[in-house]
Amino acid sequence: MLRAGQAVGDYRLDRRLAVGSTAEIWIAHHRRRAGPAVALKALLGSAARDAGFAAAFLEEAATGSKLSHRAIVGVGACFQLDDGLFQVMELIDGSDVRGVLARAATLGQSMPPANAAFVAREIADARNRSRPQEFGSFRSVGVSCVEVRINS
C-alpha cells in the first residue's frame, strides 16, 4: 500500500485521488524538478504480477502517450519499480463524468441536456481518436476516462 510522502521513483506522493480493485491514482510531484503536479497511476501487488493486467496497463500507457485530445488524459512516462507498474499522467482540475453523474444523482438532479450532448460529443470524438487500427486493441475510452474540465 502506498502512502502520502512516499518516494516512488522520481516522484513524491502527495495525496491519493482514487483507489480501485487493481490500481491507485495519486497526486505527485517530481522530486528533482520544479513543475506542475502530475497524476501517478499505480498498478500494485497481484495485479502488477498478473501478466494480463500488466499487459493491459502497459498498452494503456503506450496508447495514452500517442493520443492528444482535450477529453483524454495525457500519459507521459511508464515505469516499473519493485512490486508495481506506474504511469505518469496529466493532472486534470475536474471530475470524471461518472463522478459528475453520481454527484448530481445524490442531489436529485440530472445533467442538463445541453451538457449531456457536449459530453457525448467529447466521448465520441475521443473514441474516434482511439481507433483499433492505429492503437491495437485498446478501446477503453468511456465515462470514467473522460474528464470534465473546470473553466474559470
Protein backbone atom coordinates (compact mmCIF):
# COMPACT_ATOMS: atom_id res chain seq x y z
CA MET A 1 0.00 0.00 0.00
CA LEU A 2 1.31 3.41 -0.95
CA ARG A 3 1.29 6.35 1.49
CA ALA A 4 1.50 10.14 1.33
CA GLY A 5 5.06 11.46 1.41
CA GLN A 6 6.48 8.23 -0.03
CA ALA A 7 9.06 8.45 -2.82
CA VAL A 8 8.16 6.44 -5.92
CA GLY A 9 10.96 6.65 -8.43
CA ASP A 10 11.46 10.34 -9.22
CA TYR A 11 8.12 11.31 -7.67
CA ARG A 12 6.82 12.13 -4.17
CA LEU A 13 3.24 11.10 -3.43
CA ASP A 14 1.11 13.93 -2.08
CA ARG A 15 -2.50 12.73 -1.87
CA ARG A 16 -4.44 9.71 -3.07
CA LEU A 17 -7.16 10.65 -5.56
CA ALA A 18 -8.74 7.27 -6.16
CA VAL A 19 -8.38 3.61 -5.35
CA GLY A 20 -9.83 0.70 -7.24
CA SER A 21 -9.57 -3.06 -7.15
CA THR A 22 -6.27 -3.11 -9.06
CA ALA A 23 -4.84 0.41 -9.06
CA GLU A 24 -4.46 3.66 -7.15
CA ILE A 25 -4.12 7.20 -8.52
CA TRP A 26 -2.09 9.77 -6.60
CA ILE A 27 -1.27 13.45 -6.96
CA ALA A 28 2.52 13.57 -7.09
CA HIS A 29 5.40 15.97 -7.72
CA HIS A 30 8.76 15.33 -9.32
CA ARG A 31 11.37 15.23 -6.57
CA ARG A 32 14.19 16.91 -8.52
CA ARG A 33 12.43 19.26 -10.96
CA ALA A 34 10.03 22.07 -10.31
CA GLY A 35 6.82 21.78 -12.25
CA PRO A 36 3.14 21.11 -12.04
CA ALA A 37 1.71 18.21 -10.10
CA VAL A 38 1.00 15.02 -12.03
CA ALA A 39 -1.32 12.08 -11.53
CA LEU A 40 0.63 8.91 -10.78
CA LYS A 41 -1.36 5.75 -11.51
CA ALA A 42 -0.05 2.65 -9.75
CA LEU A 43 -0.87 -0.96 -10.60
CA LEU A 44 0.15 -2.83 -7.46
CA GLY A 45 0.50 -6.24 -5.89
CA SER A 46 -1.06 -9.27 -7.53
CA ALA A 47 -2.48 -7.15 -10.38
CA ALA A 48 1.03 -5.96 -11.31
CA ARG A 49 2.24 -9.56 -11.25
CA ASP A 50 -0.66 -10.81 -13.38
CA ALA A 51 0.50 -10.95 -17.00
CA GLY A 52 -2.90 -9.92 -18.37
CA PHE A 53 -3.32 -6.91 -16.08
CA ALA A 54 0.28 -5.81 -16.60
CA ALA A 55 -0.02 -6.08 -20.39
CA ALA A 56 -3.26 -4.06 -20.40
CA PHE A 57 -1.70 -1.40 -18.13
CA LEU A 58 1.36 -1.10 -20.38
CA GLU A 59 -0.81 -0.99 -23.52
CA GLU A 60 -2.96 1.72 -21.93
CA ALA A 61 0.18 3.77 -21.21
CA ALA A 62 1.59 3.27 -24.71
CA THR A 63 -1.72 4.20 -26.31
CA GLY A 64 -2.29 7.14 -23.99
CA SER A 65 1.11 8.56 -24.87
CA LYS A 66 0.08 8.63 -28.57
CA LEU A 67 -3.28 10.34 -28.06
CA SER A 68 -3.82 14.06 -27.86
CA HIS A 69 -7.37 15.13 -27.15
CA ARG A 70 -8.98 17.54 -24.71
CA ALA A 71 -11.11 14.73 -23.23
CA ILE A 72 -8.29 12.20 -22.83
CA VAL A 73 -5.79 12.47 -20.01
CA GLY A 74 -2.26 12.66 -21.41
CA VAL A 75 0.18 9.92 -20.40
CA GLY A 76 3.87 10.75 -20.05
CA ALA A 77 6.17 8.06 -18.72
CA CYS A 78 5.58 4.50 -17.62
CA PHE A 79 7.96 2.66 -15.29
CA GLN A 80 8.28 -0.39 -13.07
CA LEU A 81 9.59 -0.46 -9.50
CA ASP A 82 9.70 -3.37 -7.11
CA ASP A 83 6.14 -4.69 -6.91
CA GLY A 84 4.35 -2.16 -9.12
CA LEU A 85 3.86 -0.56 -12.52
CA PHE A 86 3.37 3.19 -12.73
CA GLN A 87 2.04 5.71 -15.27
CA VAL A 88 2.80 9.43 -15.05
CA MET A 89 -0.29 11.23 -16.30
CA GLU A 90 -1.57 14.76 -16.77
CA LEU A 91 -3.40 16.00 -13.69
CA ILE A 92 -6.79 17.47 -14.60
CA ASP A 93 -8.64 20.01 -12.47
CA GLY A 94 -12.05 18.41 -12.66
CA SER A 95 -14.06 15.26 -12.13
CA ASP A 96 -14.64 12.27 -14.35
CA VAL A 97 -18.10 12.05 -15.89
CA ARG A 98 -19.08 9.14 -13.63
CA GLY A 99 -18.31 11.34 -10.60
CA VAL A 100 -20.33 14.25 -12.01
CA LEU A 101 -23.33 11.98 -12.64
CA ALA A 102 -23.08 10.40 -9.18
CA ARG A 103 -22.94 13.83 -7.51
CA ALA A 104 -25.97 15.02 -9.48
CA ALA A 105 -27.89 11.87 -8.51
CA THR A 106 -27.21 12.45 -4.79
CA LEU A 107 -28.70 15.93 -5.24
CA GLY A 108 -31.74 14.51 -7.05
CA GLN A 109 -30.68 16.19 -10.28
CA SER A 110 -29.73 15.07 -13.75
CA MET A 111 -27.31 16.51 -16.24
CA PRO A 112 -28.87 19.24 -18.39
CA PRO A 113 -29.47 18.02 -21.97
CA ALA A 114 -27.00 20.52 -23.48
CA ASN A 115 -24.25 19.32 -21.11
CA ALA A 116 -25.09 15.66 -21.81
CA ALA A 117 -24.86 16.33 -25.56
CA PHE A 118 -21.48 18.03 -25.07
CA VAL A 119 -20.16 15.06 -23.06
CA ALA A 120 -21.50 12.60 -25.66
CA ARG A 121 -19.73 14.53 -28.45
CA GLU A 122 -16.47 14.56 -26.47
CA ILE A 123 -16.68 10.80 -25.82
CA ALA A 124 -17.46 10.07 -29.48
CA ASP A 125 -14.57 12.24 -30.64
CA ALA A 126 -12.20 10.68 -28.08
CA ARG A 127 -13.26 7.15 -29.11
CA ASN A 128 -12.71 8.11 -32.75
CA ARG A 129 -9.12 9.01 -31.85
CA SER A 130 -8.55 5.58 -30.28
CA ARG A 131 -9.30 3.56 -33.40
CA PRO A 132 -8.03 -0.02 -33.10
CA GLN A 133 -6.25 0.05 -36.46
CA GLU A 134 -3.95 2.72 -35.03
CA PHE A 135 -3.66 1.58 -31.42
CA GLY A 136 -4.06 -2.19 -31.23
CA SER A 137 -6.84 -3.50 -29.01
CA PHE A 138 -7.03 -0.53 -26.63
CA ARG A 139 -10.67 0.62 -26.58
CA SER A 140 -11.10 1.92 -23.03
CA VAL A 141 -12.42 5.41 -23.54
CA GLY A 142 -15.63 5.72 -21.57
CA VAL A 143 -17.28 7.73 -18.83
CA SER A 144 -14.64 7.02 -16.19
CA CYS A 145 -11.85 8.05 -18.58
CA VAL A 146 -13.39 11.32 -19.79
CA GLU A 147 -12.63 14.32 -17.64
CA VAL A 148 -14.84 17.33 -17.11
CA ARG A 149 -12.56 20.35 -17.00
CA ILE A 150 -13.48 23.27 -14.80
CA ASN A 151 -13.32 26.51 -16.75
CA SER A 152 -12.83 29.64 -14.64
